[in-house]
Amino acid sequence: MLLAETLRAMRAAQYHVAWFLWTSDQAARLYAQCGFEEARRFAVLAAELEVEG
């Protein structure tokens, strides 16, 4: 609830961006409900490496 209220207050103060380093699609829906929209999405790539020795 605190995050939602903070985002609403930011939107009311006409802040246009709020940066989150990592989020899920579920959290993104919360931000959208508070009036924010996605500006950028990054792909996270991972690979298992084999270590010899």
PDB file of N, CA and C in Angstrom:
ATOM      1  N   MET A   1       0.826  -1.198   0.000  1.00  0.00           N
ATOM      2  CA  MET A   1       0.000   0.000   0.000  1.00  0.00           C
ATOM      3  C   MET A   1       0.864   1.253   0.000  1.00  0.00           C
ATOM      4  N   LEU A   2       1.968   1.200   0.722  1.00  0.00           N
ATOM      5  CA  LEU A   2       2.853   2.362   0.785  1.00  0.00           C
ATOM      6  C   LEU A   2       3.407   2.685  -0.605  1.00  0.00           C
ATOM      7  N   LEU A   3       3.804   1.662  -1.352  1.00  0.00           N
ATOM      8  CA  LEU A   3       4.320   1.892  -2.703  1.00  0.00           C
ATOM      9  C   LEU A   3       3.245   2.512  -3.591  1.00  0.00           C
ATOM     10  N   ALA A   4       2.039   1.978  -3.537  1.00  0.00           N
ATOM     11  CA  ALA A   4       0.951   2.509  -4.355  1.00  0.00           C
ATOM     12  C   ALA A   4       0.673   3.968  -4.011  1.00  0.00           C
ATOM     13  N   GLU A   5       0.643   4.301  -2.734  1.00  0.00           N
ATOM     14  CA  GLU A   5       0.404   5.691  -2.318  1.00  0.00           C
ATOM     15  C   GLU A   5       1.550   6.601  -2.766  1.00  0.00           C
ATOM     16  N   THR A   6       2.772   6.107  -2.685  1.00  0.00           N
ATOM     17  CA  THR A   6       3.924   6.891  -3.140  1.00  0.00           C
ATOM     18  C   THR A   6       3.833   7.160  -4.629  1.00  0.00           C
ATOM     19  N   LEU A   7       3.495   6.138  -5.411  1.00  0.00           N
ATOM     20  CA  LEU A   7       3.364   6.319  -6.858  1.00  0.00           C
ATOM     21  C   LEU A   7       2.245   7.290  -7.196  1.00  0.00           C
ATOM     22  N   ARG A   8       1.132   7.204  -6.497  1.00  0.00           N
ATOM     23  CA  ARG A   8       0.029   8.138  -6.740  1.00  0.00           C
ATOM     24  C   ARG A   8       0.439   9.578  -6.414  1.00  0.00           C
ATOM     25  N   ALA A   9       1.169   9.748  -5.324  1.00  0.00           N
ATOM     26  CA  ALA A   9       1.642  11.081  -4.945  1.00  0.00           C
ATOM     27  C   ALA A   9       2.631  11.619  -5.977  1.00  0.00           C
ATOM     28  N   MET A  10       3.495  10.745  -6.469  1.00  0.00           N
ATOM     29  CA  MET A  10       4.443  11.160  -7.505  1.00  0.00           C
ATOM     30  C   MET A  10       3.703  11.593  -8.764  1.00  0.00           C
ATOM     31  N   ARG A  11       2.692  10.819  -9.147  1.00  0.00           N
ATOM     32  CA  ARG A  11       1.907  11.152 -10.337  1.00  0.00           C
ATOM     33  C   ARG A  11       1.185  12.484 -10.138  1.00  0.00           C
ATOM     34  N   ALA A  12       0.625  12.702  -8.956  1.00  0.00           N
ATOM     35  CA  ALA A  12      -0.080  13.956  -8.668  1.00  0.00           C
ATOM     36  C   ALA A  12       0.875  15.146  -8.707  1.00  0.00           C
ATOM     37  N   ALA A  13       2.134  14.916  -8.338  1.00  0.00           N
ATOM     38  CA  ALA A  13       3.144  15.977  -8.375  1.00  0.00           C
ATOM     39  C   ALA A  13       3.756  16.127  -9.769  1.00  0.00           C
ATOM     40  N   GLN A  14       3.197  15.409 -10.734  1.00  0.00           N
ATOM     41  CA  GLN A  14       3.602  15.444 -12.136  1.00  0.00           C
ATOM     42  C   GLN A  14       5.005  14.911 -12.391  1.00  0.00           C
ATOM     43  N   TYR A  15       5.438  13.973 -11.560  1.00  0.00           N
ATOM     44  CA  TYR A  15       6.660  13.241 -11.881  1.00  0.00           C
ATOM     45  C   TYR A  15       6.326  12.311 -13.035  1.00  0.00           C
ATOM     46  N   HIS A  16       7.213  12.218 -13.988  1.00  0.00           N
ATOM     47  CA  HIS A  16       6.913  11.441 -15.183  1.00  0.00           C
ATOM     48  C   HIS A  16       7.616  10.091 -15.221  1.00  0.00           C
ATOM     49  N   VAL A  17       8.561   9.880 -14.342  1.00  0.00           N
ATOM     50  CA  VAL A  17       9.263   8.598 -14.339  1.00  0.00           C
ATOM     51  C   VAL A  17       9.512   8.117 -12.915  1.00  0.00           C
ATOM     52  N   ALA A  18       9.521   6.823 -12.770  1.00  0.00           N
ATOM     53  CA  ALA A  18       9.933   6.164 -11.530  1.00  0.00           C
ATOM     54  C   ALA A  18      10.747   4.956 -11.972  1.00  0.00           C
ATOM     55  N   TRP A  19      11.988   4.896 -11.596  1.00  0.00           N
ATOM     56  CA  TRP A  19      12.876   3.827 -12.065  1.00  0.00           C
ATOM     57  C   TRP A  19      12.891   2.671 -11.091  1.00  0.00           C
ATOM     58  N   PHE A  20      12.693   1.498 -11.620  1.00  0.00           N
ATOM     59  CA  PHE A  20      12.762   0.261 -10.851  1.00  0.00           C
ATOM     60  C   PHE A  20      13.791  -0.622 -11.522  1.00  0.00           C
ATOM     61  N   LEU A  21      14.745  -1.105 -10.766  1.00  0.00           N
ATOM     62  CA  LEU A  21      15.811  -1.901 -11.364  1.00  0.00           C
ATOM     63  C   LEU A  21      15.334  -3.281 -11.785  1.00  0.00           C
ATOM     64  N   TRP A  22      14.364  -3.797 -11.092  1.00  0.00           N
ATOM     65  CA  TRP A  22      13.879  -5.133 -11.404  1.00  0.00           C
ATOM     66  C   TRP A  22      12.431  -5.221 -10.958  1.00  0.00           C
ATOM     67  N   THR A  23      11.613  -5.813 -11.780  1.00  0.00           N
ATOM     68  CA  THR A  23      10.213  -5.950 -11.410  1.00  0.00           C
ATOM     69  C   THR A  23       9.601  -7.122 -12.149  1.00  0.00           C
ATOM     70  N   SER A  24       8.465  -7.519 -11.724  1.00  0.00           N
ATOM     71  CA  SER A  24       7.731  -8.595 -12.391  1.00  0.00           C
ATOM     72  C   SER A  24       6.564  -7.979 -13.165  1.00  0.00           C
ATOM     73  N   ASP A  25       5.927  -8.782 -14.002  1.00  0.00           N
ATOM     74  CA  ASP A  25       4.751  -8.279 -14.719  1.00  0.00           C
ATOM     75  C   ASP A  25       3.633  -7.944 -13.742  1.00  0.00           C
ATOM     76  N   GLN A  26       3.541  -8.682 -12.643  1.00  0.00           N
ATOM     77  CA  GLN A  26       2.519  -8.406 -11.632  1.00  0.00           C
ATOM     78  C   GLN A  26       2.739  -7.018 -11.017  1.00  0.00           C
ATOM     79  N   ALA A  27       3.994  -6.691 -10.701  1.00  0.00           N
ATOM     80  CA  ALA A  27       4.288  -5.365 -10.151  1.00  0.00           C
ATOM     81  C   ALA A  27       4.039  -4.286 -11.197  1.00  0.00           C
ATOM     82  N   ALA A  28       4.338  -4.579 -12.450  1.00  0.00           N
ATOM     83  CA  ALA A  28       4.108  -3.599 -13.520  1.00  0.00           C
ATOM     84  C   ALA A  28       2.631  -3.230 -13.616  1.00  0.00           C
ATOM     85  N   ARG A  29       1.739  -4.175 -13.340  1.00  0.00           N
ATOM     86  CA  ARG A  29       0.304  -3.872 -13.345  1.00  0.00           C
ATOM     87  C   ARG A  29      -0.032  -2.867 -12.243  1.00  0.00           C
ATOM     88  N   LEU A  30       0.617  -2.999 -11.085  1.00  0.00           N
ATOM     89  CA  LEU A  30       0.407  -2.027 -10.000  1.00  0.00           C
ATOM     90  C   LEU A  30       0.831  -0.639 -10.454  1.00  0.00           C
ATOM     91  N   TYR A  31       1.989  -0.533 -11.090  1.00  0.00           N
ATOM     92  CA  TYR A  31       2.468   0.771 -11.545  1.00  0.00           C
ATOM     93  C   TYR A  31       1.498   1.358 -12.563  1.00  0.00           C
ATOM     94  N   ALA A  32       0.969   0.525 -13.442  1.00  0.00           N
ATOM     95  CA  ALA A  32       0.005   0.993 -14.441  1.00  0.00           C
ATOM     96  C   ALA A  32      -1.272   1.503 -13.768  1.00  0.00           C
ATOM     97  N   GLN A  33      -1.720   0.821 -12.726  1.00  0.00           N
ATOM     98  CA  GLN A  33      -2.913   1.259 -11.997  1.00  0.00           C
ATOM     99  C   GLN A  33      -2.691   2.607 -11.332  1.00  0.00           C
ATOM    100  N   CYS A  34      -1.433   2.943 -11.055  1.00  0.00           N
ATOM    101  CA  CYS A  34      -1.099   4.221 -10.427  1.00  0.00           C
ATOM    102  C   CYS A  34      -0.815   5.303 -11.462  1.00  0.00           C
ATOM    103  N   GLY A  35      -1.034   4.985 -12.752  1.00  0.00           N
ATOM    104  CA  GLY A  35      -0.901   5.990 -13.792  1.00  0.00           C
ATOM    105  C   GLY A  35       0.419   6.006 -14.521  1.00  0.00           C
ATOM    106  N   PHE A  36       1.301   5.070 -14.236  1.00  0.00           N
ATOM    107  CA  PHE A  36       2.592   5.016 -14.917  1.00  0.00           C
ATOM    108  C   PHE A  36       2.515   4.033 -16.074  1.00  0.00           C
ATOM    109  N   GLU A  37       3.382   4.207 -17.047  1.00  0.00           N
ATOM    110  CA  GLU A  37       3.437   3.263 -18.158  1.00  0.00           C
ATOM    111  C   GLU A  37       4.881   2.842 -18.412  1.00  0.00           C
ATOM    112  N   GLU A  38       5.027   1.681 -18.982  1.00  0.00           N
ATOM    113  CA  GLU A  38       6.349   1.123 -19.248  1.00  0.00           C
ATOM    114  C   GLU A  38       7.027   1.918 -20.355  1.00  0.00           C
ATOM    115  N   ALA A  39       8.260   2.315 -20.121  1.00  0.00           N
ATOM    116  CA  ALA A  39       9.015   3.078 -21.107  1.00  0.00           C
ATOM    117  C   ALA A  39      10.097   2.235 -21.754  1.00  0.00           C
ATOM    118  N   ARG A  40      10.552   1.207 -21.051  1.00  0.00           N
ATOM    119  CA  ARG A  40      11.659   0.410 -21.564  1.00  0.00           C
ATOM    120  C   ARG A  40      11.630  -0.951 -20.903  1.00  0.00           C
ATOM    121  N   ARG A  41      12.008  -1.973 -21.648  1.00  0.00           N
ATOM    122  CA  ARG A  41      12.089  -3.323 -21.095  1.00  0.00           C
ATOM    123  C   ARG A  41      13.400  -3.942 -21.567  1.00  0.00           C
ATOM    124  N   PHE A  42      14.094  -4.575 -20.643  1.00  0.00           N
ATOM    125  CA  PHE A  42      15.365  -5.211 -20.955  1.00  0.00           C
ATOM    126  C   PHE A  42      15.214  -6.722 -20.925  1.00  0.00           C
ATOM    127  N   ALA A  43      15.932  -7.388 -21.774  1.00  0.00           N
ATOM    128  CA  ALA A  43      15.964  -8.847 -21.765  1.00  0.00           C
ATOM    129  C   ALA A  43      17.055  -9.298 -20.806  1.00  0.00           C
ATOM    130  N   VAL A  44      16.741 -10.310 -20.022  1.00  0.00           N
ATOM    131  CA  VAL A  44      17.714 -10.880 -19.102  1.00  0.00           C
ATOM    132  C   VAL A  44      18.138 -12.218 -19.682  1.00  0.00           C
ATOM    133  N   LEU A  45      19.399 -12.344 -19.987  1.00  0.00           N
ATOM    134  CA  LEU A  45      19.918 -13.567 -20.585  1.00  0.00           C
ATOM    135  C   LEU A  45      20.757 -14.299 -19.541  1.00  0.00           C
ATOM    136  N   ALA A  46      20.668 -15.618 -19.541  1.00  0.00           N
ATOM    137  CA  ALA A  46      21.441 -16.419 -18.590  1.00  0.00           C
ATOM    138  C   ALA A  46      21.856 -17.711 -19.265  1.00  0.00           C
ATOM    139  N   ALA A  47      22.979 -18.235 -18.858  1.00  0.00           N
ATOM    140  CA  ALA A  47      23.454 -19.498 -19.398  1.00  0.00           C
ATOM    141  C   ALA A  47      24.203 -20.234 -18.308  1.00  0.00           C
ATOM    142  N   GLU A  48      24.070 -21.548 -18.280  1.00  0.00           N
ATOM    143  CA  GLU A  48      24.833 -22.385 -17.362  1.00  0.00           C
ATOM    144  C   GLU A  48      26.211 -22.616 -17.983  1.00  0.00           C
ATOM    145  N   LEU A  49      27.249 -22.401 -17.226  1.00  0.00           N
ATOM    146  CA  LEU A  49      28.601 -22.618 -17.716  1.00  0.00           C
ATOM    147  C   LEU A  49      29.187 -23.864 -17.074  1.00  0.00           C
ATOM    148  N   GLU A  50      29.859 -24.643 -17.864  1.00  0.00           N
ATOM    149  CA  GLU A  50      30.538 -25.826 -17.328  1.00  0.00           C
ATOM    150  C   GLU A  50      31.949 -25.431 -16.928  1.00  0.00           C
ATOM    151  N   VAL A  51      32.338 -25.853 -15.733  1.00  0.00           N
ATOM    152  CA  VAL A  51      33.670 -25.553 -15.231  1.00  0.00           C
ATOM    153  C   VAL A  51      34.477 -26.844 -15.226  1.00  0.00           C
ATOM    154  N   GLU A  52      35.605 -26.805 -15.890  1.00  0.00           N
ATOM    155  CA  GLU A  52      36.485 -27.992 -15.907  1.00  0.00           C
ATOM    156  C   GLU A  52      37.476 -27.889 -14.763  1.00  0.00           C
ATOM    157  N   GLY A  53      37.807 -29.076 -14.231  1.00  0.00           N
ATOM    158  CA  GLY A  53      38.877 -29.078 -13.253  1.00  0.00           C
ATOM    159  C   GLY A  53      38.470 -29.488 -11.954  1.00  0.00           C
TER     160      GLY A  53
END
